[in-house]
Amino acid sequence: MEWSVFQQYGPMLLRGFGITIFCWIMGTILGMALGLMIALAQRYGPRPLRWLLQAYIEVIRGTPFLVQLFVLYYGGPLVGLRLDALPAGLLGLTIYGSPYFAEIFRSGFNAVPKGQIEAARAIGMAEVSIIRRILLPLGLVSALPALVNFSIILTKETVILSIITVPELMYQVSRMSTETFRFLEANFVLALFFWGLVEAISRLGRRFETRITQHLIERV
């Protein structure tokens, strides 16, 4: 293994890793926010809206992310949607992740005991307060492991953004491999960076789960 290659391409790889983290963070936050809105709309919205959102979920979950990204980036200009590579990648991650996050939130909401919600309504609590003080906190505790797990999956989907020339880690690794023919070193770096990122996310997720559980116990 030629370690001198890392000295030459190290800054480039670090920039790519930074863009990977940025894409993952923004894609996760935006996808989670959109997924939460979809889950709430499915729970409280009118029936036609629920049907429409369910169709959206089925279509996005039933098609590969690569196909969605190609349609968005290369097909968008046909309908007047012209995006640079990075915004297109972020929008693609948001769209791809939102149905999965929506289903995770829906499952978490269904895990909340109906008796607590009925009791809150019986004492005259407004529906917005029920969502904010009962449904979201308790549903989040149930959904948190699945949310963390899908966030980890989303980190690995960022490598597909290299197809539309987003200069994230996979793009830089491919460039390094092409210029040096050091495929072993390049893929070793790719695996090492993603392993470290997944470990960090897993640890943060477990710590956050512990903190939020303790907070709910203290409130009770």
N, C-alpha and C. Protein backbone atom coordinates (compact mmCIF):
# COMPACT_ATOMS: atom_id res chain seq x y z
N MET A 1 0.85 -1.19 0.00
CA MET A 1 0.00 0.00 0.00
C MET A 1 0.88 1.25 0.00
N GLU A 2 0.65 2.12 -0.97
CA GLU A 2 1.50 3.30 -1.14
C GLU A 2 0.92 4.47 -0.33
N TRP A 3 1.51 4.72 0.85
CA TRP A 3 0.99 5.74 1.74
C TRP A 3 1.28 7.16 1.26
N SER A 4 2.26 7.32 0.39
CA SER A 4 2.56 8.65 -0.12
C SER A 4 1.40 9.22 -0.93
N VAL A 5 0.55 8.35 -1.44
CA VAL A 5 -0.62 8.81 -2.19
C VAL A 5 -1.54 9.63 -1.30
N PHE A 6 -1.64 9.23 -0.02
CA PHE A 6 -2.51 9.95 0.90
C PHE A 6 -2.02 11.38 1.13
N GLN A 7 -0.72 11.58 1.15
CA GLN A 7 -0.18 12.91 1.33
C GLN A 7 -0.56 13.82 0.16
N GLN A 8 -0.58 13.26 -1.02
CA GLN A 8 -0.90 14.04 -2.21
C GLN A 8 -2.40 14.32 -2.32
N TYR A 9 -3.20 13.30 -2.04
CA TYR A 9 -4.63 13.43 -2.24
C TYR A 9 -5.41 13.63 -0.94
N GLY A 10 -4.70 13.69 0.18
CA GLY A 10 -5.38 13.85 1.47
C GLY A 10 -6.30 15.06 1.55
N PRO A 11 -5.83 16.27 1.21
CA PRO A 11 -6.73 17.44 1.28
C PRO A 11 -7.98 17.30 0.40
N MET A 12 -7.80 16.74 -0.78
CA MET A 12 -8.93 16.54 -1.68
C MET A 12 -9.95 15.57 -1.08
N LEU A 13 -9.44 14.49 -0.47
CA LEU A 13 -10.32 13.51 0.15
C LEU A 13 -11.05 14.10 1.35
N LEU A 14 -10.36 14.93 2.12
CA LEU A 14 -11.00 15.56 3.27
C LEU A 14 -12.09 16.53 2.84
N ARG A 15 -11.85 17.26 1.76
CA ARG A 15 -12.91 18.14 1.23
C ARG A 15 -14.11 17.32 0.78
N GLY A 16 -13.83 16.22 0.11
CA GLY A 16 -14.93 15.35 -0.32
C GLY A 16 -15.70 14.78 0.86
N PHE A 17 -14.98 14.42 1.92
CA PHE A 17 -15.64 13.88 3.11
C PHE A 17 -16.49 14.96 3.78
N GLY A 18 -15.99 16.21 3.78
CA GLY A 18 -16.78 17.31 4.33
C GLY A 18 -18.07 17.53 3.57
N ILE A 19 -18.01 17.43 2.25
CA ILE A 19 -19.22 17.59 1.44
C ILE A 19 -20.17 16.41 1.67
N THR A 20 -19.60 15.21 1.85
CA THR A 20 -20.43 14.05 2.16
C THR A 20 -21.20 14.26 3.46
N ILE A 21 -20.51 14.74 4.50
CA ILE A 21 -21.16 14.99 5.78
C ILE A 21 -22.23 16.07 5.63
N PHE A 22 -21.91 17.13 4.88
CA PHE A 22 -22.89 18.21 4.68
C PHE A 22 -24.14 17.67 3.97
N CYS A 23 -23.93 16.90 2.92
CA CYS A 23 -25.07 16.33 2.18
C CYS A 23 -25.88 15.41 3.07
N TRP A 24 -25.20 14.62 3.87
CA TRP A 24 -25.93 13.70 4.76
C TRP A 24 -26.74 14.47 5.80
N ILE A 25 -26.12 15.47 6.44
CA ILE A 25 -26.81 16.23 7.48
C ILE A 25 -28.03 16.94 6.90
N MET A 26 -27.84 17.66 5.80
CA MET A 26 -28.95 18.40 5.21
C MET A 26 -30.02 17.46 4.67
N GLY A 27 -29.60 16.38 4.02
CA GLY A 27 -30.57 15.42 3.50
C GLY A 27 -31.38 14.77 4.61
N THR A 28 -30.71 14.46 5.73
CA THR A 28 -31.40 13.85 6.86
C THR A 28 -32.37 14.81 7.52
N ILE A 29 -31.92 16.05 7.77
CA ILE A 29 -32.78 17.04 8.42
C ILE A 29 -34.00 17.36 7.55
N LEU A 30 -33.75 17.65 6.28
CA LEU A 30 -34.86 18.01 5.40
C LEU A 30 -35.78 16.82 5.14
N GLY A 31 -35.19 15.64 4.95
CA GLY A 31 -36.01 14.44 4.73
C GLY A 31 -36.84 14.10 5.96
N MET A 32 -36.24 14.28 7.14
CA MET A 32 -36.96 14.00 8.38
C MET A 32 -38.10 15.00 8.59
N ALA A 33 -37.83 16.28 8.30
CA ALA A 33 -38.87 17.30 8.44
C ALA A 33 -40.03 17.04 7.48
N LEU A 34 -39.70 16.73 6.22
CA LEU A 34 -40.76 16.44 5.25
C LEU A 34 -41.49 15.16 5.61
N GLY A 35 -40.76 14.15 6.09
CA GLY A 35 -41.39 12.91 6.51
C GLY A 35 -42.34 13.11 7.68
N LEU A 36 -41.95 13.98 8.63
CA LEU A 36 -42.82 14.28 9.77
C LEU A 36 -44.10 14.95 9.31
N MET A 37 -43.99 15.91 8.38
CA MET A 37 -45.18 16.57 7.87
C MET A 37 -46.09 15.59 7.13
N ILE A 38 -45.48 14.67 6.38
CA ILE A 38 -46.29 13.67 5.68
C ILE A 38 -47.01 12.77 6.67
N ALA A 39 -46.29 12.33 7.71
CA ALA A 39 -46.91 11.45 8.71
C ALA A 39 -48.06 12.14 9.43
N LEU A 40 -47.89 13.42 9.78
CA LEU A 40 -48.97 14.15 10.44
C LEU A 40 -50.14 14.38 9.50
N ALA A 41 -49.84 14.68 8.23
CA ALA A 41 -50.91 14.88 7.25
C ALA A 41 -51.69 13.59 7.01
N GLN A 42 -50.97 12.46 7.01
CA GLN A 42 -51.66 11.18 6.85
C GLN A 42 -52.55 10.87 8.05
N ARG A 43 -52.16 11.34 9.20
CA ARG A 43 -52.92 11.05 10.42
C ARG A 43 -54.13 11.98 10.59
N TYR A 44 -53.95 13.24 10.20
CA TYR A 44 -55.00 14.23 10.47
C TYR A 44 -55.62 14.83 9.20
N GLY A 45 -55.03 14.57 8.03
CA GLY A 45 -55.53 15.18 6.81
C GLY A 45 -56.77 14.49 6.27
N PRO A 46 -57.42 15.12 5.30
CA PRO A 46 -58.60 14.50 4.66
C PRO A 46 -58.20 13.27 3.86
N ARG A 47 -59.19 12.43 3.58
CA ARG A 47 -58.91 11.16 2.91
C ARG A 47 -58.24 11.33 1.55
N PRO A 48 -58.66 12.26 0.68
CA PRO A 48 -57.97 12.40 -0.62
C PRO A 48 -56.49 12.73 -0.45
N LEU A 49 -56.18 13.58 0.53
CA LEU A 49 -54.77 13.92 0.77
C LEU A 49 -54.01 12.70 1.25
N ARG A 50 -54.61 11.89 2.09
CA ARG A 50 -53.95 10.67 2.58
C ARG A 50 -53.67 9.71 1.43
N TRP A 51 -54.62 9.57 0.52
CA TRP A 51 -54.41 8.71 -0.64
C TRP A 51 -53.25 9.22 -1.50
N LEU A 52 -53.22 10.53 -1.71
CA LEU A 52 -52.17 11.13 -2.53
C LEU A 52 -50.80 10.92 -1.89
N LEU A 53 -50.71 11.13 -0.59
CA LEU A 53 -49.44 10.95 0.11
C LEU A 53 -49.01 9.49 0.13
N GLN A 54 -49.96 8.58 0.25
CA GLN A 54 -49.62 7.16 0.23
C GLN A 54 -49.09 6.76 -1.15
N ALA A 55 -49.68 7.34 -2.20
CA ALA A 55 -49.18 7.07 -3.56
C ALA A 55 -47.75 7.59 -3.71
N TYR A 56 -47.48 8.78 -3.17
CA TYR A 56 -46.13 9.34 -3.19
C TYR A 56 -45.14 8.43 -2.48
N ILE A 57 -45.53 7.93 -1.32
CA ILE A 57 -44.67 7.03 -0.55
C ILE A 57 -44.36 5.76 -1.34
N GLU A 58 -45.38 5.17 -1.94
CA GLU A 58 -45.19 3.93 -2.67
C GLU A 58 -44.31 4.12 -3.90
N VAL A 59 -44.49 5.23 -4.60
CA VAL A 59 -43.69 5.48 -5.80
C VAL A 59 -42.22 5.69 -5.44
N ILE A 60 -41.95 6.51 -4.45
CA ILE A 60 -40.56 6.81 -4.08
C ILE A 60 -39.89 5.58 -3.49
N ARG A 61 -40.59 4.85 -2.65
CA ARG A 61 -39.98 3.65 -2.06
C ARG A 61 -39.82 2.53 -3.08
N GLY A 62 -40.61 2.57 -4.12
CA GLY A 62 -40.57 1.49 -5.11
C GLY A 62 -39.61 1.72 -6.25
N THR A 63 -38.92 2.85 -6.26
CA THR A 63 -37.96 3.14 -7.34
C THR A 63 -36.58 3.40 -6.75
N PRO A 64 -35.51 3.02 -7.45
CA PRO A 64 -34.15 3.22 -6.94
C PRO A 64 -33.79 4.71 -6.86
N PHE A 65 -32.95 5.03 -5.88
CA PHE A 65 -32.52 6.41 -5.71
C PHE A 65 -31.78 6.92 -6.94
N LEU A 66 -31.01 6.04 -7.58
CA LEU A 66 -30.26 6.44 -8.77
C LEU A 66 -31.20 6.92 -9.88
N VAL A 67 -32.29 6.20 -10.07
CA VAL A 67 -33.27 6.58 -11.09
C VAL A 67 -33.91 7.92 -10.73
N GLN A 68 -34.28 8.08 -9.47
CA GLN A 68 -34.89 9.34 -9.03
C GLN A 68 -33.94 10.51 -9.26
N LEU A 69 -32.66 10.30 -8.95
CA LEU A 69 -31.68 11.37 -9.09
C LEU A 69 -31.48 11.74 -10.57
N PHE A 70 -31.44 10.74 -11.43
CA PHE A 70 -31.31 11.00 -12.87
C PHE A 70 -32.52 11.78 -13.39
N VAL A 71 -33.71 11.38 -12.99
CA VAL A 71 -34.93 12.07 -13.44
C VAL A 71 -34.92 13.52 -12.95
N LEU A 72 -34.52 13.73 -11.70
CA LEU A 72 -34.50 15.07 -11.13
C LEU A 72 -33.47 15.96 -11.81
N TYR A 73 -32.27 15.44 -11.99
CA TYR A 73 -31.16 16.27 -12.48
C TYR A 73 -31.20 16.46 -14.00
N TYR A 74 -31.44 15.37 -14.71
CA TYR A 74 -31.42 15.45 -16.17
C TYR A 74 -32.81 15.70 -16.78
N GLY A 75 -33.84 15.30 -16.07
CA GLY A 75 -35.19 15.52 -16.57
C GLY A 75 -35.82 16.81 -16.08
N GLY A 76 -35.28 17.36 -14.98
CA GLY A 76 -35.83 18.60 -14.44
C GLY A 76 -35.88 19.75 -15.42
N PRO A 77 -34.81 19.98 -16.21
CA PRO A 77 -34.85 21.09 -17.17
C PRO A 77 -35.99 20.99 -18.17
N LEU A 78 -36.51 19.80 -18.42
CA LEU A 78 -37.61 19.65 -19.37
C LEU A 78 -38.89 20.30 -18.85
N VAL A 79 -39.00 20.44 -17.50
CA VAL A 79 -40.18 21.08 -16.91
C VAL A 79 -39.80 22.41 -16.25
N GLY A 80 -38.63 22.94 -16.59
CA GLY A 80 -38.21 24.24 -16.07
C GLY A 80 -37.47 24.20 -14.76
N LEU A 81 -37.11 23.01 -14.27
CA LEU A 81 -36.39 22.88 -13.00
C LEU A 81 -34.91 22.65 -13.30
N ARG A 82 -34.14 23.72 -13.23
CA ARG A 82 -32.70 23.63 -13.52
C ARG A 82 -31.92 23.85 -12.22
N LEU A 83 -31.24 22.80 -11.78
CA LEU A 83 -30.50 22.85 -10.53
C LEU A 83 -29.05 22.45 -10.77
N ASP A 84 -28.15 23.08 -10.01
CA ASP A 84 -26.77 22.64 -10.02
C ASP A 84 -26.67 21.29 -9.33
N ALA A 85 -25.50 20.67 -9.43
CA ALA A 85 -25.35 19.31 -8.93
C ALA A 85 -25.64 19.20 -7.43
N LEU A 86 -25.06 20.10 -6.63
CA LEU A 86 -25.23 20.00 -5.18
C LEU A 86 -26.67 20.22 -4.74
N PRO A 87 -27.35 21.30 -5.17
CA PRO A 87 -28.77 21.44 -4.80
C PRO A 87 -29.63 20.28 -5.29
N ALA A 88 -29.34 19.77 -6.47
CA ALA A 88 -30.10 18.63 -6.98
C ALA A 88 -29.87 17.40 -6.10
N GLY A 89 -28.64 17.21 -5.65
CA GLY A 89 -28.34 16.09 -4.77
C GLY A 89 -29.05 16.20 -3.43
N LEU A 90 -29.07 17.40 -2.86
CA LEU A 90 -29.75 17.61 -1.59
C LEU A 90 -31.26 17.39 -1.74
N LEU A 91 -31.82 17.93 -2.82
CA LEU A 91 -33.25 17.73 -3.06
C LEU A 91 -33.55 16.25 -3.29
N GLY A 92 -32.66 15.57 -4.00
CA GLY A 92 -32.86 14.15 -4.24
C GLY A 92 -32.84 13.34 -2.95
N LEU A 93 -31.89 13.63 -2.06
CA LEU A 93 -31.83 12.94 -0.78
C LEU A 93 -33.07 13.22 0.06
N THR A 94 -33.54 14.46 0.01
CA THR A 94 -34.74 14.83 0.77
C THR A 94 -35.95 14.05 0.28
N ILE A 95 -36.13 14.03 -1.03
CA ILE A 95 -37.28 13.32 -1.60
C ILE A 95 -37.17 11.82 -1.32
N TYR A 96 -35.96 11.28 -1.50
CA TYR A 96 -35.78 9.84 -1.30
C TYR A 96 -36.02 9.43 0.16
N GLY A 97 -35.53 10.25 1.10
CA GLY A 97 -35.62 9.87 2.50
C GLY A 97 -36.98 10.11 3.13
N SER A 98 -37.73 11.09 2.62
CA SER A 98 -38.97 11.50 3.28
C SER A 98 -40.01 10.38 3.43
N PRO A 99 -40.25 9.51 2.42
CA PRO A 99 -41.24 8.46 2.64
C PRO A 99 -40.83 7.46 3.73
N TYR A 100 -39.55 7.15 3.80
CA TYR A 100 -39.08 6.23 4.83
C TYR A 100 -39.22 6.85 6.22
N PHE A 101 -38.84 8.12 6.33
CA PHE A 101 -39.01 8.80 7.61
C PHE A 101 -40.49 8.91 7.97
N ALA A 102 -41.34 9.15 6.98
CA ALA A 102 -42.78 9.25 7.24
C ALA A 102 -43.32 7.94 7.80
N GLU A 103 -42.91 6.82 7.24
CA GLU A 103 -43.37 5.53 7.73
C GLU A 103 -42.82 5.23 9.13
N ILE A 104 -41.61 5.68 9.39
CA ILE A 104 -41.03 5.48 10.73
C ILE A 104 -41.81 6.30 11.75
N PHE A 105 -42.10 7.56 11.42
CA PHE A 105 -42.89 8.40 12.33
C PHE A 105 -44.29 7.83 12.51
N ARG A 106 -44.90 7.35 11.43
CA ARG A 106 -46.24 6.77 11.53
C ARG A 106 -46.24 5.59 12.49
N SER A 107 -45.22 4.75 12.38
CA SER A 107 -45.11 3.60 13.28
C SER A 107 -44.93 4.06 14.72
N GLY A 108 -44.11 5.11 14.92
CA GLY A 108 -43.93 5.64 16.27
C GLY A 108 -45.21 6.22 16.84
N PHE A 109 -45.97 6.93 16.01
CA PHE A 109 -47.24 7.49 16.48
C PHE A 109 -48.22 6.38 16.86
N ASN A 110 -48.25 5.32 16.07
CA ASN A 110 -49.16 4.21 16.37
C ASN A 110 -48.79 3.49 17.66
N ALA A 111 -47.53 3.62 18.08
CA ALA A 111 -47.08 2.97 19.32
C ALA A 111 -47.50 3.75 20.56
N VAL A 112 -47.93 5.00 20.39
CA VAL A 112 -48.37 5.80 21.54
C VAL A 112 -49.70 5.24 22.04
N PRO A 113 -49.83 4.94 23.32
CA PRO A 113 -51.09 4.39 23.84
C PRO A 113 -52.28 5.30 23.55
N LYS A 114 -53.32 4.75 22.97
CA LYS A 114 -54.49 5.56 22.62
C LYS A 114 -55.15 6.15 23.87
N GLY A 115 -55.01 5.45 25.00
CA GLY A 115 -55.62 5.94 26.22
C GLY A 115 -55.10 7.31 26.64
N GLN A 116 -53.80 7.55 26.41
CA GLN A 116 -53.23 8.84 26.78
C GLN A 116 -53.79 9.96 25.92
N ILE A 117 -53.95 9.68 24.63
CA ILE A 117 -54.50 10.69 23.73
C ILE A 117 -55.97 10.95 24.06
N GLU A 118 -56.74 9.89 24.32
CA GLU A 118 -58.15 10.04 24.66
C GLU A 118 -58.31 10.78 25.98
N ALA A 119 -57.42 10.52 26.94
CA ALA A 119 -57.47 11.22 28.22
C ALA A 119 -57.19 12.70 28.04
N ALA A 120 -56.23 13.03 27.18
CA ALA A 120 -55.92 14.43 26.92
C ALA A 120 -57.09 15.15 26.28
N ARG A 121 -57.77 14.47 25.35
CA ARG A 121 -58.94 15.08 24.73
C ARG A 121 -60.08 15.23 25.73
N ALA A 122 -60.18 14.28 26.66
CA ALA A 122 -61.27 14.31 27.65
C ALA A 122 -61.14 15.51 28.59
N ILE A 123 -59.91 15.94 28.85
CA ILE A 123 -59.73 17.10 29.75
C ILE A 123 -59.70 18.42 28.97
N GLY A 124 -59.98 18.35 27.67
CA GLY A 124 -60.10 19.55 26.87
C GLY A 124 -58.80 20.07 26.27
N MET A 125 -57.78 19.25 26.21
CA MET A 125 -56.51 19.70 25.62
C MET A 125 -56.67 19.85 24.11
N ALA A 126 -56.14 20.95 23.59
CA ALA A 126 -56.22 21.20 22.15
C ALA A 126 -55.39 20.17 21.38
N GLU A 127 -55.82 19.91 20.13
CA GLU A 127 -55.15 18.88 19.34
C GLU A 127 -53.68 19.23 19.09
N VAL A 128 -53.39 20.51 18.90
CA VAL A 128 -52.00 20.93 18.70
C VAL A 128 -51.16 20.62 19.93
N SER A 129 -51.72 20.85 21.11
CA SER A 129 -51.01 20.54 22.35
C SER A 129 -50.82 19.04 22.53
N ILE A 130 -51.82 18.27 22.09
CA ILE A 130 -51.68 16.81 22.18
C ILE A 130 -50.53 16.34 21.30
N ILE A 131 -50.45 16.90 20.10
CA ILE A 131 -49.36 16.53 19.19
C ILE A 131 -48.01 16.91 19.80
N ARG A 132 -47.93 18.13 20.32
CA ARG A 132 -46.64 18.65 20.80
C ARG A 132 -46.20 18.01 22.10
N ARG A 133 -47.13 17.72 23.00
CA ARG A 133 -46.77 17.26 24.35
C ARG A 133 -46.91 15.77 24.56
N ILE A 134 -47.66 15.08 23.69
CA ILE A 134 -47.87 13.64 23.89
C ILE A 134 -47.41 12.85 22.68
N LEU A 135 -47.99 13.15 21.52
CA LEU A 135 -47.74 12.33 20.34
C LEU A 135 -46.28 12.39 19.90
N LEU A 136 -45.73 13.60 19.76
CA LEU A 136 -44.35 13.73 19.28
C LEU A 136 -43.32 13.17 20.27
N PRO A 137 -43.36 13.54 21.56
CA PRO A 137 -42.33 12.99 22.47
C PRO A 137 -42.37 11.48 22.60
N LEU A 138 -43.57 10.91 22.81
CA LEU A 138 -43.66 9.47 22.98
C LEU A 138 -43.41 8.73 21.67
N GLY A 139 -43.91 9.28 20.57
CA GLY A 139 -43.66 8.66 19.28
C GLY A 139 -42.19 8.69 18.91
N LEU A 140 -41.50 9.77 19.28
CA LEU A 140 -40.08 9.87 18.97
C LEU A 140 -39.27 8.82 19.69
N VAL A 141 -39.62 8.53 20.94
CA VAL A 141 -38.90 7.50 21.69
C VAL A 141 -39.02 6.15 20.99
N SER A 142 -40.24 5.82 20.52
CA SER A 142 -40.45 4.54 19.84
C SER A 142 -39.76 4.50 18.49
N ALA A 143 -39.71 5.66 17.81
CA ALA A 143 -39.19 5.69 16.44
C ALA A 143 -37.69 5.92 16.37
N LEU A 144 -37.08 6.34 17.49
CA LEU A 144 -35.69 6.79 17.44
C LEU A 144 -34.71 5.74 16.91
N PRO A 145 -34.77 4.47 17.35
CA PRO A 145 -33.82 3.49 16.78
C PRO A 145 -33.95 3.35 15.27
N ALA A 146 -35.18 3.35 14.77
CA ALA A 146 -35.38 3.24 13.32
C ALA A 146 -34.92 4.50 12.60
N LEU A 147 -35.11 5.67 13.23
CA LEU A 147 -34.64 6.92 12.63
C LEU A 147 -33.12 6.93 12.50
N VAL A 148 -32.45 6.48 13.54
CA VAL A 148 -30.98 6.42 13.50
C VAL A 148 -30.52 5.42 12.46
N ASN A 149 -31.20 4.28 12.39
CA ASN A 149 -30.82 3.24 11.43
C ASN A 149 -30.96 3.74 10.00
N PHE A 150 -32.07 4.42 9.71
CA PHE A 150 -32.22 4.91 8.33
C PHE A 150 -31.27 6.07 8.04
N SER A 151 -30.94 6.86 9.06
CA SER A 151 -29.95 7.92 8.86
C SER A 151 -28.61 7.32 8.45
N ILE A 152 -28.28 6.18 9.04
CA ILE A 152 -27.04 5.48 8.65
C ILE A 152 -27.13 5.01 7.21
N ILE A 153 -28.27 4.47 6.83
CA ILE A 153 -28.45 4.03 5.45
C ILE A 153 -28.30 5.22 4.49
N LEU A 154 -28.80 6.38 4.91
CA LEU A 154 -28.74 7.56 4.06
C LEU A 154 -27.30 8.02 3.83
N THR A 155 -26.42 7.77 4.80
CA THR A 155 -25.01 8.15 4.59
C THR A 155 -24.43 7.40 3.39
N LYS A 156 -24.81 6.14 3.25
CA LYS A 156 -24.26 5.34 2.16
C LYS A 156 -24.88 5.71 0.81
N GLU A 157 -26.09 6.27 0.84
CA GLU A 157 -26.71 6.70 -0.41
C GLU A 157 -26.04 7.95 -0.98
N THR A 158 -25.28 8.67 -0.15
CA THR A 158 -24.62 9.88 -0.65
C THR A 158 -23.60 9.57 -1.74
N VAL A 159 -23.09 8.34 -1.78
CA VAL A 159 -22.10 8.01 -2.81
C VAL A 159 -22.71 8.10 -4.20
N ILE A 160 -24.03 7.94 -4.31
CA ILE A 160 -24.68 8.00 -5.62
C ILE A 160 -24.64 9.42 -6.18
N LEU A 161 -24.48 10.41 -5.31
CA LEU A 161 -24.44 11.80 -5.78
C LEU A 161 -23.25 12.05 -6.70
N SER A 162 -22.24 11.20 -6.62
CA SER A 162 -21.08 11.36 -7.50
C SER A 162 -21.47 11.19 -8.97
N ILE A 163 -22.57 10.48 -9.23
CA ILE A 163 -23.02 10.26 -10.60
C ILE A 163 -23.37 11.57 -11.30
N ILE A 164 -23.87 12.55 -10.52
CA ILE A 164 -24.22 13.85 -11.11
C ILE A 164 -23.14 14.89 -10.79
N THR A 165 -21.94 14.43 -10.49
CA THR A 165 -20.72 15.24 -10.28
C THR A 165 -20.74 16.08 -9.02
N VAL A 166 -21.50 15.68 -8.01
CA VAL A 166 -21.34 16.32 -6.70
C VAL A 166 -19.97 15.88 -6.16
N PRO A 167 -19.09 16.83 -5.78
CA PRO A 167 -17.71 16.46 -5.41
C PRO A 167 -17.60 15.92 -4.00
N GLU A 168 -18.42 14.91 -3.67
CA GLU A 168 -18.34 14.30 -2.34
C GLU A 168 -17.25 13.24 -2.33
N LEU A 169 -17.20 12.44 -1.29
CA LEU A 169 -16.07 11.54 -1.09
C LEU A 169 -15.92 10.51 -2.21
N MET A 170 -17.02 9.90 -2.64
CA MET A 170 -16.94 8.90 -3.69
C MET A 170 -16.40 9.50 -4.98
N TYR A 171 -16.82 10.72 -5.29
CA TYR A 171 -16.33 11.40 -6.48
C TYR A 171 -14.82 11.60 -6.40
N GLN A 172 -14.34 12.03 -5.24
CA GLN A 172 -12.91 12.27 -5.07
C GLN A 172 -12.11 10.97 -5.06
N VAL A 173 -12.69 9.93 -4.48
CA VAL A 173 -12.02 8.63 -4.48
C VAL A 173 -11.91 8.08 -5.90
N SER A 174 -12.97 8.23 -6.68
CA SER A 174 -12.93 7.79 -8.07
C SER A 174 -11.88 8.56 -8.87
N ARG A 175 -11.79 9.84 -8.59
CA ARG A 175 -10.77 10.65 -9.26
C ARG A 175 -9.37 10.20 -8.87
N MET A 176 -9.18 9.92 -7.59
CA MET A 176 -7.88 9.44 -7.12
C MET A 176 -7.53 8.11 -7.77
N SER A 177 -8.49 7.21 -7.85
CA SER A 177 -8.24 5.90 -8.47
C SER A 177 -7.87 6.04 -9.94
N THR A 178 -8.58 6.92 -10.64
CA THR A 178 -8.34 7.10 -12.07
C THR A 178 -6.96 7.69 -12.34
N GLU A 179 -6.54 8.63 -11.50
CA GLU A 179 -5.28 9.32 -11.74
C GLU A 179 -4.06 8.53 -11.29
N THR A 180 -4.23 7.67 -10.28
CA THR A 180 -3.07 6.97 -9.71
C THR A 180 -3.10 5.47 -9.93
N PHE A 181 -4.27 4.93 -10.32
CA PHE A 181 -4.46 3.48 -10.44
C PHE A 181 -4.22 2.76 -9.12
N ARG A 182 -4.38 3.49 -8.00
CA ARG A 182 -4.25 2.91 -6.66
C ARG A 182 -5.65 2.61 -6.13
N PHE A 183 -6.26 1.57 -6.68
CA PHE A 183 -7.63 1.26 -6.34
C PHE A 183 -7.76 0.74 -4.91
N LEU A 184 -6.77 0.00 -4.43
CA LEU A 184 -6.81 -0.53 -3.07
C LEU A 184 -6.80 0.59 -2.05
N GLU A 185 -5.86 1.53 -2.20
CA GLU A 185 -5.76 2.64 -1.26
C GLU A 185 -7.02 3.49 -1.28
N ALA A 186 -7.53 3.75 -2.48
CA ALA A 186 -8.71 4.60 -2.61
C ALA A 186 -9.93 3.98 -1.92
N ASN A 187 -10.17 2.72 -2.16
CA ASN A 187 -11.33 2.07 -1.55
C ASN A 187 -11.13 1.83 -0.06
N PHE A 188 -9.88 1.68 0.36
CA PHE A 188 -9.60 1.57 1.80
C PHE A 188 -9.99 2.87 2.51
N VAL A 189 -9.63 4.01 1.91
CA VAL A 189 -9.99 5.30 2.48
C VAL A 189 -11.51 5.47 2.52
N LEU A 190 -12.18 5.09 1.43
CA LEU A 190 -13.63 5.20 1.37
C LEU A 190 -14.29 4.39 2.49
N ALA A 191 -13.85 3.15 2.65
CA ALA A 191 -14.41 2.29 3.69
C ALA A 191 -14.11 2.84 5.08
N LEU A 192 -12.90 3.35 5.28
CA LEU A 192 -12.50 3.86 6.59
C LEU A 192 -13.31 5.08 6.98
N PHE A 193 -13.49 6.01 6.05
CA PHE A 193 -14.26 7.21 6.34
C PHE A 193 -15.71 6.87 6.67
N PHE A 194 -16.31 6.01 5.89
CA PHE A 194 -17.72 5.68 6.14
C PHE A 194 -17.89 4.86 7.42
N TRP A 195 -16.93 4.01 7.71
CA TRP A 195 -17.00 3.26 8.98
C TRP A 195 -16.97 4.23 10.16
N GLY A 196 -16.07 5.20 10.11
CA GLY A 196 -15.99 6.18 11.19
C GLY A 196 -17.27 7.00 11.31
N LEU A 197 -17.85 7.39 10.18
CA LEU A 197 -19.07 8.18 10.20
C LEU A 197 -20.23 7.37 10.78
N VAL A 198 -20.36 6.12 10.37
CA VAL A 198 -21.44 5.28 10.88
C VAL A 198 -21.28 5.04 12.38
N GLU A 199 -20.06 4.81 12.85
CA GLU A 199 -19.83 4.63 14.28
C GLU A 199 -20.22 5.88 15.06
N ALA A 200 -19.87 7.04 14.53
CA ALA A 200 -20.21 8.29 15.21
C ALA A 200 -21.72 8.48 15.29
N ILE A 201 -22.42 8.20 14.20
CA ILE A 201 -23.88 8.34 14.20
C ILE A 201 -24.52 7.37 15.18
N SER A 202 -24.04 6.15 15.21
CA SER A 202 -24.59 5.14 16.12
C SER A 202 -24.42 5.56 17.57
N ARG A 203 -23.25 6.05 17.91
CA ARG A 203 -23.00 6.47 19.29
C ARG A 203 -23.85 7.68 19.67
N LEU A 204 -23.94 8.64 18.78
CA LEU A 204 -24.77 9.82 19.05
C LEU A 204 -26.24 9.42 19.19
N GLY A 205 -26.69 8.49 18.35
CA GLY A 205 -28.07 8.04 18.44
C GLY A 205 -28.37 7.36 19.76
N ARG A 206 -27.46 6.49 20.22
CA ARG A 206 -27.67 5.82 21.51
C ARG A 206 -27.66 6.82 22.66
N ARG A 207 -26.77 7.80 22.58
CA ARG A 207 -26.70 8.81 23.65
C ARG A 207 -27.97 9.66 23.66
N PHE A 208 -28.44 10.05 22.48
CA PHE A 208 -29.65 10.85 22.41
C PHE A 208 -30.86 10.06 22.90
N GLU A 209 -30.92 8.77 22.57
CA GLU A 209 -32.02 7.93 23.03
C GLU A 209 -32.03 7.85 24.56
N THR A 210 -30.85 7.71 25.16
CA THR A 210 -30.76 7.65 26.62
C THR A 210 -31.21 8.96 27.25
N ARG A 211 -30.75 10.08 26.66
CA ARG A 211 -31.10 11.39 27.21
C ARG A 211 -32.60 11.67 27.13
N ILE A 212 -33.19 11.39 25.99
CA ILE A 212 -34.61 11.70 25.84
C ILE A 212 -35.48 10.78 26.69
N THR A 213 -35.04 9.52 26.88
CA THR A 213 -35.77 8.61 27.76
C THR A 213 -35.71 9.08 29.20
N GLN A 214 -34.53 9.50 29.64
CA GLN A 214 -34.39 10.02 31.00
C GLN A 214 -35.23 11.27 31.20
N HIS A 215 -35.28 12.14 30.18
CA HIS A 215 -36.07 13.36 30.27
C HIS A 215 -37.55 13.05 30.43
N LEU A 216 -38.06 12.08 29.69
CA LEU A 216 -39.46 11.72 29.79
C LEU A 216 -39.77 11.09 31.16
N ILE A 217 -38.82 10.29 31.68
CA ILE A 217 -39.01 9.69 33.01
C ILE A 217 -39.08 10.78 34.08
N GLU A 218 -38.21 11.79 33.97
CA GLU A 218 -38.22 12.88 34.94
C GLU A 218 -39.51 13.69 34.87
N ARG A 219 -40.07 13.83 33.66
CA ARG A 219 -41.35 14.56 33.53
C ARG A 219 -42.48 13.82 34.19
N VAL A 220 -42.39 12.46 34.10
CA VAL A 220 -43.45 11.66 34.74
C VAL A 220 -43.31 11.68 36.26
